[in-house]
C-alpha cells in the first residue's frame, strides 16, 4: 500500500498518470468518507479544510495525483455553492468586490489546470505548505488586531488570479491560499471566510472544465467527495455562526499552522 501510494505521487509532474496502482473499493470508500467529512467540517468552520482531500486520496488511498486533484476540484463546486450560500447570507459582500476577485480566479484556474502536465508536484506542495505556515503565524500574531476593508479592485484581481492558478494546480480549492492573503491584507476574518467560500465556485467550474476535457476527472469519485464534503460543510457553517470572531480567527490561524507543518512533512517524506 505504501509503495503503491508512493508511485502515485512521486512523479516529475502533477499530471503524470500512474496505471500500476489499484485500491480496493471498500478501502477507498473509507478514505474518501473520513477525509471528506473532516475536510467539509473545517471548510464550513474555517474555510481551509479542503487541503486534506488530495493528500488523503494520494497518500492513503493510492489515487494518482492528477485524478485526486480533479476529483477534489469537482467536489469543491458543491462546497462552494453550499458554503457560499450560508456565509453570504450571513455576511453580504459587495458585488464589485466579488467580481473583482472571482472572475480573475476563474481565469487563473483555467491557466493552472491547463499546466498540470508540466508543473512539478514537489515545488507546488512545498509552496502551499510554506504559505499556510507563515500566514498562520501571521494571523495568530494579529488575532487581537482590527481588520480593515478589502483592498482595491486591482489588488483583489491580482489575488484572485494567483489563488485560482495555485488552487487548480494543487487541488486545494481556493480558501487555503485566499485566507492567508486576505489576512495579510488585514481583511476582517468574517468577510475573509465568506470570500473564501465564494471563490471556490469559479475556480472549481473552470478547473473542472479543463480536467474533464483532459480525461482526468473520475466522476464517481468526484461525486462521492462532493457529497461528503457538503455534509461536513453544512455542519461546520452551522458551528461557525455560533462562534465569536476572535476564537474563529484563532482557529483559522492554528489550522493553517497545523496544515503547513503536516503538508510540508508529508511532501518531504514522500519526495525526499
C-alpha atoms as a PDB file:
ATOM      1  CA  UNK A   1       0.000   0.000   0.000  1.00  0.00           C
ATOM      2  CA  UNK A   2       2.847   2.401   0.878  1.00  0.00           C
ATOM      3  CA  UNK A   3       4.685   1.587  -2.328  1.00  0.00           C
ATOM      4  CA  UNK A   4       1.506   1.991  -4.310  1.00  0.00           C
ATOM      5  CA  UNK A   5       0.699   5.436  -2.912  1.00  0.00           C
ATOM      6  CA  UNK A   6       4.328   6.478  -3.316  1.00  0.00           C
ATOM      7  CA  UNK A   7       4.282   5.591  -7.008  1.00  0.00           C
ATOM      8  CA  UNK A   8       1.039   7.515  -7.433  1.00  0.00           C
ATOM      9  CA  UNK A   9       2.583  10.720  -6.085  1.00  0.00           C
ATOM     10  CA  UNK A  10       6.255  10.504  -6.948  1.00  0.00           C
ATOM     11  CA  UNK A  11       6.409  11.927 -10.458  1.00  0.00           C
ATOM     12  CA  UNK A  12       8.058  14.774 -12.267  1.00  0.00           C
ATOM     13  CA  UNK A  13       4.772  16.499 -12.994  1.00  0.00           C
ATOM     14  CA  UNK A  14       1.385  16.572 -11.332  1.00  0.00           C
ATOM     15  CA  UNK A  15      -0.457  15.084 -14.241  1.00  0.00           C
ATOM     16  CA  UNK A  16       1.815  12.125 -14.944  1.00  0.00           C
ATOM     17  CA  UNK A  17      -0.550   9.145 -14.866  1.00  0.00           C
ATOM     18  CA  UNK A  18       0.054   6.023 -12.858  1.00  0.00           C
ATOM     19  CA  UNK A  19      -1.662   2.927 -14.099  1.00  0.00           C
ATOM     20  CA  UNK A  20       0.053   0.447 -11.828  1.00  0.00           C
ATOM     21  CA  UNK A  21      -1.769   1.235  -8.573  1.00  0.00           C
ATOM     22  CA  UNK A  22      -5.075  -0.238  -7.607  1.00  0.00           C
ATOM     23  CA  UNK A  23      -7.086   0.475  -4.492  1.00  0.00           C
ATOM     24  CA  UNK A  24      -9.772  -1.773  -3.087  1.00  0.00           C
ATOM     25  CA  UNK A  25     -13.141  -0.050  -3.425  1.00  0.00           C
ATOM     26  CA  UNK A  26     -14.056  -0.527   0.238  1.00  0.00           C
ATOM     27  CA  UNK A  27     -10.722   0.879   1.369  1.00  0.00           C
ATOM     28  CA  UNK A  28     -11.051   3.897  -0.927  1.00  0.00           C
ATOM     29  CA  UNK A  29     -14.580   4.481   0.350  1.00  0.00           C
ATOM     30  CA  UNK A  30     -13.357   4.763   3.933  1.00  0.00           C
ATOM     31  CA  UNK A  31     -10.511   7.082   2.914  1.00  0.00           C
ATOM     32  CA  UNK A  32     -12.855   9.350   0.975  1.00  0.00           C
ATOM     33  CA  UNK A  33     -15.545   9.300   3.667  1.00  0.00           C
ATOM     34  CA  UNK A  34     -13.323  10.190   6.619  1.00  0.00           C
ATOM     35  CA  UNK A  35     -11.184  12.746   4.778  1.00  0.00           C
ATOM     36  CA  UNK A  36     -14.109  14.427   3.024  1.00  0.00           C
ATOM     37  CA  UNK A  37     -16.278  14.666   6.124  1.00  0.00           C
ATOM     38  CA  UNK A  38     -13.475  16.160   8.215  1.00  0.00           C
ATOM     39  CA  UNK A  39     -12.466  18.443   5.356  1.00  0.00           C
ATOM     40  CA  UNK A  40     -16.031  19.625   4.887  1.00  0.00           C
ATOM     41  CA  UNK A  41     -16.375  20.357   8.596  1.00  0.00           C
ATOM     42  CA  UNK A  42     -13.236  22.502   8.521  1.00  0.00           C
ATOM     43  CA  UNK A  43     -14.345  24.211   5.304  1.00  0.00           C
ATOM     44  CA  UNK A  44     -17.588  25.289   6.923  1.00  0.00           C
ATOM     45  CA  UNK A  45     -15.848  26.283  10.146  1.00  0.00           C
ATOM     46  CA  UNK A  46     -12.602  27.921   8.997  1.00  0.00           C
ATOM     47  CA  UNK A  47     -12.689  27.782   5.196  1.00  0.00           C
ATOM     48  CA  UNK A  48      -9.482  25.753   4.720  1.00  0.00           C
ATOM     49  CA  UNK A  49     -10.434  22.103   5.241  1.00  0.00           C
ATOM     50  CA  UNK A  50     -10.218  21.247   1.551  1.00  0.00           C
ATOM     51  CA  UNK A  51      -6.456  20.897   1.834  1.00  0.00           C
ATOM     52  CA  UNK A  52      -6.993  17.463   3.366  1.00  0.00           C
ATOM     53  CA  UNK A  53      -8.705  15.869   0.373  1.00  0.00           C
ATOM     54  CA  UNK A  54      -5.911  15.468  -2.190  1.00  0.00           C
ATOM     55  CA  UNK A  55      -3.265  14.298   0.319  1.00  0.00           C
ATOM     56  CA  UNK A  56      -5.696  11.753   1.770  1.00  0.00           C
ATOM     57  CA  UNK A  57      -6.598  10.364  -1.630  1.00  0.00           C
ATOM     58  CA  UNK A  58      -2.994  10.154  -2.833  1.00  0.00           C
ATOM     59  CA  UNK A  59      -1.036   9.298   0.301  1.00  0.00           C
ATOM     60  CA  UNK A  60      -3.557   6.947   1.915  1.00  0.00           C
ATOM     61  CA  UNK A  61      -5.843   5.934  -0.928  1.00  0.00           C
ATOM     62  CA  UNK A  62      -3.290   5.396  -3.669  1.00  0.00           C
ATOM     63  CA  UNK A  63      -5.234   7.542  -6.142  1.00  0.00           C
ATOM     64  CA  UNK A  64      -2.986   9.021  -8.874  1.00  0.00           C
ATOM     65  CA  UNK A  65      -2.363  12.664  -8.128  1.00  0.00           C
ATOM     66  CA  UNK A  66      -3.951  14.091 -11.254  1.00  0.00           C
ATOM     67  CA  UNK A  67      -7.167  12.137 -10.593  1.00  0.00           C
ATOM     68  CA  UNK A  68      -7.194  13.214  -6.952  1.00  0.00           C
ATOM     69  CA  UNK A  69      -6.765  16.868  -7.936  1.00  0.00           C
ATOM     70  CA  UNK A  70      -9.573  16.637 -10.498  1.00  0.00           C
ATOM     71  CA  UNK A  71     -11.980  14.877  -8.115  1.00  0.00           C
ATOM     72  CA  UNK A  72     -11.164  17.305  -5.329  1.00  0.00           C
ATOM     73  CA  UNK A  73     -11.790  20.341  -7.538  1.00  0.00           C
ATOM     74  CA  UNK A  74     -15.123  18.895  -8.663  1.00  0.00           C
ATOM     75  CA  UNK A  75     -16.121  18.315  -5.052  1.00  0.00           C
ATOM     76  CA  UNK A  76     -15.315  21.908  -4.154  1.00  0.00           C
ATOM     77  CA  UNK A  77     -18.000  23.071  -6.554  1.00  0.00           C
ATOM     78  CA  UNK A  78     -20.610  21.622  -4.200  1.00  0.00           C
ATOM     79  CA  UNK A  79     -18.998  23.025  -1.067  1.00  0.00           C
ATOM     80  CA  UNK A  80     -18.646  26.421  -2.705  1.00  0.00           C
ATOM     81  CA  UNK A  81     -22.349  26.513  -3.523  1.00  0.00           C
ATOM     82  CA  UNK A  82     -23.425  25.407  -0.060  1.00  0.00           C
ATOM     83  CA  UNK A  83     -20.810  27.312   1.931  1.00  0.00           C
ATOM     84  CA  UNK A  84     -21.207  30.413  -0.197  1.00  0.00           C
ATOM     85  CA  UNK A  85     -24.963  30.421   0.275  1.00  0.00           C
ATOM     86  CA  UNK A  86     -24.666  30.080   4.043  1.00  0.00           C
ATOM     87  CA  UNK A  87     -21.862  32.583   4.578  1.00  0.00           C
ATOM     88  CA  UNK A  88     -23.004  35.162   2.028  1.00  0.00           C
ATOM     89  CA  UNK A  89     -26.454  35.243   3.608  1.00  0.00           C
ATOM     90  CA  UNK A  90     -24.789  35.876   6.941  1.00  0.00           C
ATOM     91  CA  UNK A  91     -22.106  38.248   5.611  1.00  0.00           C
ATOM     92  CA  UNK A  92     -23.217  40.135   2.479  1.00  0.00           C
ATOM     93  CA  UNK A  93     -20.348  41.191   0.229  1.00  0.00           C
ATOM     94  CA  UNK A  94     -20.330  43.955  -2.336  1.00  0.00           C
ATOM     95  CA  UNK A  95     -20.821  42.653  -5.874  1.00  0.00           C
ATOM     96  CA  UNK A  96     -17.929  44.732  -7.209  1.00  0.00           C
ATOM     97  CA  UNK A  97     -15.518  43.069  -4.792  1.00  0.00           C
ATOM     98  CA  UNK A  98     -16.853  39.601  -5.586  1.00  0.00           C
ATOM     99  CA  UNK A  99     -16.491  40.129  -9.324  1.00  0.00           C
ATOM    100  CA  UNK A 100     -13.026  41.652  -8.913  1.00  0.00           C
ATOM    101  CA  UNK A 101     -11.923  38.548  -7.034  1.00  0.00           C
ATOM    102  CA  UNK A 102     -13.872  35.723  -8.693  1.00  0.00           C
ATOM    103  CA  UNK A 103     -13.526  36.492 -12.411  1.00  0.00           C
ATOM    104  CA  UNK A 104      -9.707  36.607 -12.322  1.00  0.00           C
ATOM    105  CA  UNK A 105      -9.797  33.498 -10.119  1.00  0.00           C
ATOM    106  CA  UNK A 106     -11.622  31.631 -12.893  1.00  0.00           C
ATOM    107  CA  UNK A 107      -9.038  32.740 -15.444  1.00  0.00           C
ATOM    108  CA  UNK A 108      -6.234  31.686 -13.127  1.00  0.00           C
ATOM    109  CA  UNK A 109      -7.856  28.286 -12.612  1.00  0.00           C
ATOM    110  CA  UNK A 110      -8.141  27.748 -16.371  1.00  0.00           C
ATOM    111  CA  UNK A 111      -4.454  28.543 -16.765  1.00  0.00           C
ATOM    112  CA  UNK A 112      -3.426  26.392 -13.825  1.00  0.00           C
ATOM    113  CA  UNK A 113      -5.433  23.340 -14.847  1.00  0.00           C
ATOM    114  CA  UNK A 114      -4.035  23.603 -18.361  1.00  0.00           C
ATOM    115  CA  UNK A 115      -0.494  23.485 -16.936  1.00  0.00           C
ATOM    116  CA  UNK A 116      -0.906  20.340 -14.833  1.00  0.00           C
ATOM    117  CA  UNK A 117       1.142  18.320 -17.303  1.00  0.00           C
ATOM    118  CA  UNK A 118       4.300  20.397 -16.884  1.00  0.00           C
ATOM    119  CA  UNK A 119       4.407  21.594 -13.281  1.00  0.00           C
ATOM    120  CA  UNK A 120       6.412  19.672 -10.633  1.00  0.00           C
ATOM    121  CA  UNK A 121       4.298  18.493  -7.716  1.00  0.00           C
ATOM    122  CA  UNK A 122       7.092  18.799  -5.151  1.00  0.00           C
ATOM    123  CA  UNK A 123       7.628  22.546  -5.558  1.00  0.00           C
ATOM    124  CA  UNK A 124       3.919  23.347  -5.545  1.00  0.00           C
ATOM    125  CA  UNK A 125       3.203  21.284  -2.436  1.00  0.00           C
ATOM    126  CA  UNK A 126       6.081  22.873  -0.540  1.00  0.00           C
ATOM    127  CA  UNK A 127       4.965  26.343  -1.633  1.00  0.00           C
ATOM    128  CA  UNK A 128       1.460  25.779  -0.295  1.00  0.00           C
ATOM    129  CA  UNK A 129       2.787  24.324   2.956  1.00  0.00           C
ATOM    130  CA  UNK A 130       5.084  27.318   3.471  1.00  0.00           C
ATOM    131  CA  UNK A 131       2.340  29.789   2.592  1.00  0.00           C
ATOM    132  CA  UNK A 132      -0.073  28.212   5.054  1.00  0.00           C
ATOM    133  CA  UNK A 133       2.510  28.037   7.831  1.00  0.00           C
ATOM    134  CA  UNK A 134       3.802  31.608   7.504  1.00  0.00           C
ATOM    135  CA  UNK A 135       0.330  33.060   7.078  1.00  0.00           C
ATOM    136  CA  UNK A 136      -0.975  31.085  10.051  1.00  0.00           C
ATOM    137  CA  UNK A 137       1.764  32.513  12.245  1.00  0.00           C
ATOM    138  CA  UNK A 138       0.967  35.994  10.948  1.00  0.00           C
ATOM    139  CA  UNK A 139      -2.750  35.526  11.613  1.00  0.00           C
ATOM    140  CA  UNK A 140      -2.000  34.215  15.104  1.00  0.00           C
ATOM    141  CA  UNK A 141       0.167  37.262  15.840  1.00  0.00           C
ATOM    142  CA  UNK A 142      -2.610  39.635  14.779  1.00  0.00           C
ATOM    143  CA  UNK A 143      -5.534  37.792  16.354  1.00  0.00           C
ATOM    144  CA  UNK A 144      -6.280  40.831  18.526  1.00  0.00           C
ATOM    145  CA  UNK A 145      -5.881  43.372  15.728  1.00  0.00           C
ATOM    146  CA  UNK A 146      -8.745  45.012  13.925  1.00  0.00           C
ATOM    147  CA  UNK A 147      -9.183  44.402  10.241  1.00  0.00           C
ATOM    148  CA  UNK A 148      -9.830  46.918   7.535  1.00  0.00           C
ATOM    149  CA  UNK A 149     -11.970  46.867   4.431  1.00  0.00           C
ATOM    150  CA  UNK A 150     -10.859  44.666   1.485  1.00  0.00           C
ATOM    151  CA  UNK A 151      -8.357  46.311  -0.846  1.00  0.00           C
ATOM    152  CA  UNK A 152      -8.846  47.854  -4.277  1.00  0.00           C
ATOM    153  CA  UNK A 153     -10.280  46.045  -7.276  1.00  0.00           C
ATOM    154  CA  UNK A 154      -6.803  45.737  -8.790  1.00  0.00           C
ATOM    155  CA  UNK A 155      -5.413  44.099  -5.652  1.00  0.00           C
ATOM    156  CA  UNK A 156      -8.373  41.738  -5.408  1.00  0.00           C
ATOM    157  CA  UNK A 157      -7.993  40.820  -9.084  1.00  0.00           C
ATOM    158  CA  UNK A 158      -4.304  40.019  -8.638  1.00  0.00           C
ATOM    159  CA  UNK A 159      -5.039  37.952  -5.552  1.00  0.00           C
ATOM    160  CA  UNK A 160      -7.894  36.173  -7.327  1.00  0.00           C
ATOM    161  CA  UNK A 161      -5.796  35.166 -10.335  1.00  0.00           C
ATOM    162  CA  UNK A 162      -2.944  33.898  -8.162  1.00  0.00           C
ATOM    163  CA  UNK A 163      -5.304  31.924  -5.942  1.00  0.00           C
ATOM    164  CA  UNK A 164      -7.134  30.461  -8.935  1.00  0.00           C
ATOM    165  CA  UNK A 165      -3.903  29.329 -10.550  1.00  0.00           C
ATOM    166  CA  UNK A 166      -2.395  27.887  -7.400  1.00  0.00           C
ATOM    167  CA  UNK A 167      -5.597  26.138  -6.397  1.00  0.00           C
ATOM    168  CA  UNK A 168      -6.075  24.494  -9.780  1.00  0.00           C
ATOM    169  CA  UNK A 169      -2.571  23.057  -9.883  1.00  0.00           C
ATOM    170  CA  UNK A 170      -2.700  21.787  -6.296  1.00  0.00           C
ATOM    171  CA  UNK A 171      -6.342  20.775  -5.852  1.00  0.00           C
ATOM    172  CA  UNK A 172      -6.754  22.872  -2.728  1.00  0.00           C
ATOM    173  CA  UNK A 173      -9.966  24.600  -3.755  1.00  0.00           C
ATOM    174  CA  UNK A 174      -9.076  28.221  -3.039  1.00  0.00           C
ATOM    175  CA  UNK A 175      -9.562  29.058   0.646  1.00  0.00           C
ATOM    176  CA  UNK A 176      -6.198  27.743   1.848  1.00  0.00           C
ATOM    177  CA  UNK A 177      -4.455  30.313  -0.345  1.00  0.00           C
ATOM    178  CA  UNK A 178      -7.024  33.118  -0.232  1.00  0.00           C
ATOM    179  CA  UNK A 179      -7.497  33.256   3.533  1.00  0.00           C
ATOM    180  CA  UNK A 180      -3.813  33.865   4.346  1.00  0.00           C
ATOM    181  CA  UNK A 181      -3.520  36.521   1.646  1.00  0.00           C
ATOM    182  CA  UNK A 182      -6.622  38.394   2.787  1.00  0.00           C
ATOM    183  CA  UNK A 183      -5.483  38.195   6.392  1.00  0.00           C
ATOM    184  CA  UNK A 184      -2.134  39.678   5.381  1.00  0.00           C
ATOM    185  CA  UNK A 185      -4.132  42.486   3.745  1.00  0.00           C
ATOM    186  CA  UNK A 186      -5.878  42.895   7.122  1.00  0.00           C
ATOM    187  CA  UNK A 187      -9.311  41.942   5.876  1.00  0.00           C
ATOM    188  CA  UNK A 188     -11.658  41.092   8.789  1.00  0.00           C
ATOM    189  CA  UNK A 189     -11.988  37.356   9.401  1.00  0.00           C
ATOM    190  CA  UNK A 190     -15.745  37.049   8.806  1.00  0.00           C
ATOM    191  CA  UNK A 191     -15.769  38.535   5.281  1.00  0.00           C
ATOM    192  CA  UNK A 192     -12.497  36.713   4.601  1.00  0.00           C
ATOM    193  CA  UNK A 193     -14.203  33.365   5.159  1.00  0.00           C
ATOM    194  CA  UNK A 194     -17.182  34.499   3.068  1.00  0.00           C
ATOM    195  CA  UNK A 195     -14.835  35.426   0.206  1.00  0.00           C
ATOM    196  CA  UNK A 196     -13.077  32.077   0.605  1.00  0.00           C
ATOM    197  CA  UNK A 197     -16.345  30.175   0.273  1.00  0.00           C
ATOM    198  CA  UNK A 198     -17.450  32.164  -2.773  1.00  0.00           C
ATOM    199  CA  UNK A 199     -14.171  31.836  -4.676  1.00  0.00           C
ATOM    200  CA  UNK A 200     -14.445  28.051  -4.719  1.00  0.00           C
ATOM    201  CA  UNK A 201     -17.229  28.198  -7.314  1.00  0.00           C
ATOM    202  CA  UNK A 202     -15.444  29.903 -10.239  1.00  0.00           C
ATOM    203  CA  UNK A 203     -12.220  28.027  -9.503  1.00  0.00           C
ATOM    204  CA  UNK A 204     -13.955  24.649  -9.359  1.00  0.00           C
ATOM    205  CA  UNK A 205     -16.019  25.277 -12.502  1.00  0.00           C
ATOM    206  CA  UNK A 206     -13.053  26.472 -14.569  1.00  0.00           C
ATOM    207  CA  UNK A 207     -10.674  23.732 -13.403  1.00  0.00           C
ATOM    208  CA  UNK A 208     -13.304  21.004 -13.819  1.00  0.00           C
ATOM    209  CA  UNK A 209     -13.930  22.011 -17.430  1.00  0.00           C
ATOM    210  CA  UNK A 210     -10.231  21.623 -18.220  1.00  0.00           C
ATOM    211  CA  UNK A 211      -9.806  18.435 -16.166  1.00  0.00           C
ATOM    212  CA  UNK A 212     -12.828  16.780 -17.756  1.00  0.00           C
ATOM    213  CA  UNK A 213     -11.637  17.701 -21.236  1.00  0.00           C
ATOM    214  CA  UNK A 214      -8.211  16.240 -20.415  1.00  0.00           C
ATOM    215  CA  UNK A 215      -9.739  12.973 -19.176  1.00  0.00           C
ATOM    216  CA  UNK A 216      -8.507  13.396 -15.607  1.00  0.00           C
ATOM    217  CA  UNK A 217     -11.886  13.503 -13.856  1.00  0.00           C
ATOM    218  CA  UNK A 218     -13.349  10.375 -12.275  1.00  0.00           C
ATOM    219  CA  UNK A 219     -16.977  11.476 -11.997  1.00  0.00           C
ATOM    220  CA  UNK A 220     -17.975   8.849  -9.417  1.00  0.00           C
ATOM    221  CA  UNK A 221     -15.054   9.722  -7.173  1.00  0.00           C
ATOM    222  CA  UNK A 222     -15.789  13.425  -7.580  1.00  0.00           C
ATOM    223  CA  UNK A 223     -19.458  12.949  -6.699  1.00  0.00           C
ATOM    224  CA  UNK A 224     -18.557  10.902  -3.623  1.00  0.00           C
ATOM    225  CA  UNK A 225     -16.087  13.545  -2.466  1.00  0.00           C
ATOM    226  CA  UNK A 226     -18.538  16.367  -3.137  1.00  0.00           C
ATOM    227  CA  UNK A 227     -21.449  14.734  -1.319  1.00  0.00           C
ATOM    228  CA  UNK A 228     -19.453  14.071   1.821  1.00  0.00           C
ATOM    229  CA  UNK A 229     -17.813  17.483   1.713  1.00  0.00           C
ATOM    230  CA  UNK A 230     -21.239  19.114   1.652  1.00  0.00           C
ATOM    231  CA  UNK A 231     -22.397  17.166   4.715  1.00  0.00           C
ATOM    232  CA  UNK A 232     -19.378  18.344   6.664  1.00  0.00           C
ATOM    233  CA  UNK A 233     -19.590  21.899   5.329  1.00  0.00           C
ATOM    234  CA  UNK A 234     -23.184  22.355   6.455  1.00  0.00           C
ATOM    235  CA  UNK A 235     -22.246  21.255   9.969  1.00  0.00           C
ATOM    236  CA  UNK A 236     -19.163  23.459  10.045  1.00  0.00           C
ATOM    237  CA  UNK A 237     -21.045  26.509   8.775  1.00  0.00           C
ATOM    238  CA  UNK A 238     -23.683  25.994  11.466  1.00  0.00           C
ATOM    239  CA  UNK A 239     -20.976  25.931  14.127  1.00  0.00           C
ATOM    240  CA  UNK A 240     -19.180  28.951  12.636  1.00  0.00           C
ATOM    241  CA  UNK A 241     -22.297  31.075  13.037  1.00  0.00           C
ATOM    242  CA  UNK A 242     -22.238  30.409  16.755  1.00  0.00           C
ATOM    243  CA  UNK A 243     -18.604  31.275  17.441  1.00  0.00           C
ATOM    244  CA  UNK A 244     -17.234  34.693  18.359  1.00  0.00           C
ATOM    245  CA  UNK A 245     -14.933  36.421  15.866  1.00  0.00           C
ATOM    246  CA  UNK A 246     -11.761  36.197  17.972  1.00  0.00           C
ATOM    247  CA  UNK A 247     -11.932  32.439  18.624  1.00  0.00           C
ATOM    248  CA  UNK A 248     -12.734  31.920  14.944  1.00  0.00           C
ATOM    249  CA  UNK A 249      -9.642  33.907  13.953  1.00  0.00           C
ATOM    250  CA  UNK A 250      -7.577  31.826  16.355  1.00  0.00           C
ATOM    251  CA  UNK A 251      -8.970  28.585  14.944  1.00  0.00           C
ATOM    252  CA  UNK A 252      -8.109  29.666  11.396  1.00  0.00           C
ATOM    253  CA  UNK A 253      -4.548  30.551  12.433  1.00  0.00           C
ATOM    254  CA  UNK A 254      -3.978  27.260  14.258  1.00  0.00           C
ATOM    255  CA  UNK A 255      -5.491  25.265  11.391  1.00  0.00           C
ATOM    256  CA  UNK A 256      -3.161  26.986   8.921  1.00  0.00           C
ATOM    257  CA  UNK A 257      -0.107  26.271  11.067  1.00  0.00           C
ATOM    258  CA  UNK A 258      -1.059  22.640  11.613  1.00  0.00           C
ATOM    259  CA  UNK A 259      -1.688  22.088   7.924  1.00  0.00           C
ATOM    260  CA  UNK A 260       1.541  23.788   6.867  1.00  0.00           C
ATOM    261  CA  UNK A 261       3.630  21.615   9.173  1.00  0.00           C
ATOM    262  CA  UNK A 262       1.849  18.401   8.215  1.00  0.00           C
ATOM    263  CA  UNK A 263       1.748  19.019   4.478  1.00  0.00           C
ATOM    264  CA  UNK A 264       5.376  20.069   4.333  1.00  0.00           C
ATOM    265  CA  UNK A 265       6.427  16.990   6.299  1.00  0.00           C
ATOM    266  CA  UNK A 266       4.332  14.691   4.125  1.00  0.00           C
ATOM    267  CA  UNK A 267       5.814  16.176   0.967  1.00  0.00           C
ATOM    268  CA  UNK A 268       9.420  15.832   2.114  1.00  0.00           C
ATOM    269  CA  UNK A 269       8.744  12.301   3.353  1.00  0.00           C
ATOM    270  CA  UNK A 270       7.345  11.188   0.008  1.00  0.00           C
ATOM    271  CA  UNK A 271       9.703  13.016  -2.329  1.00  0.00           C
ATOM    272  CA  UNK A 272      12.814  13.046  -0.166  1.00  0.00           C
END
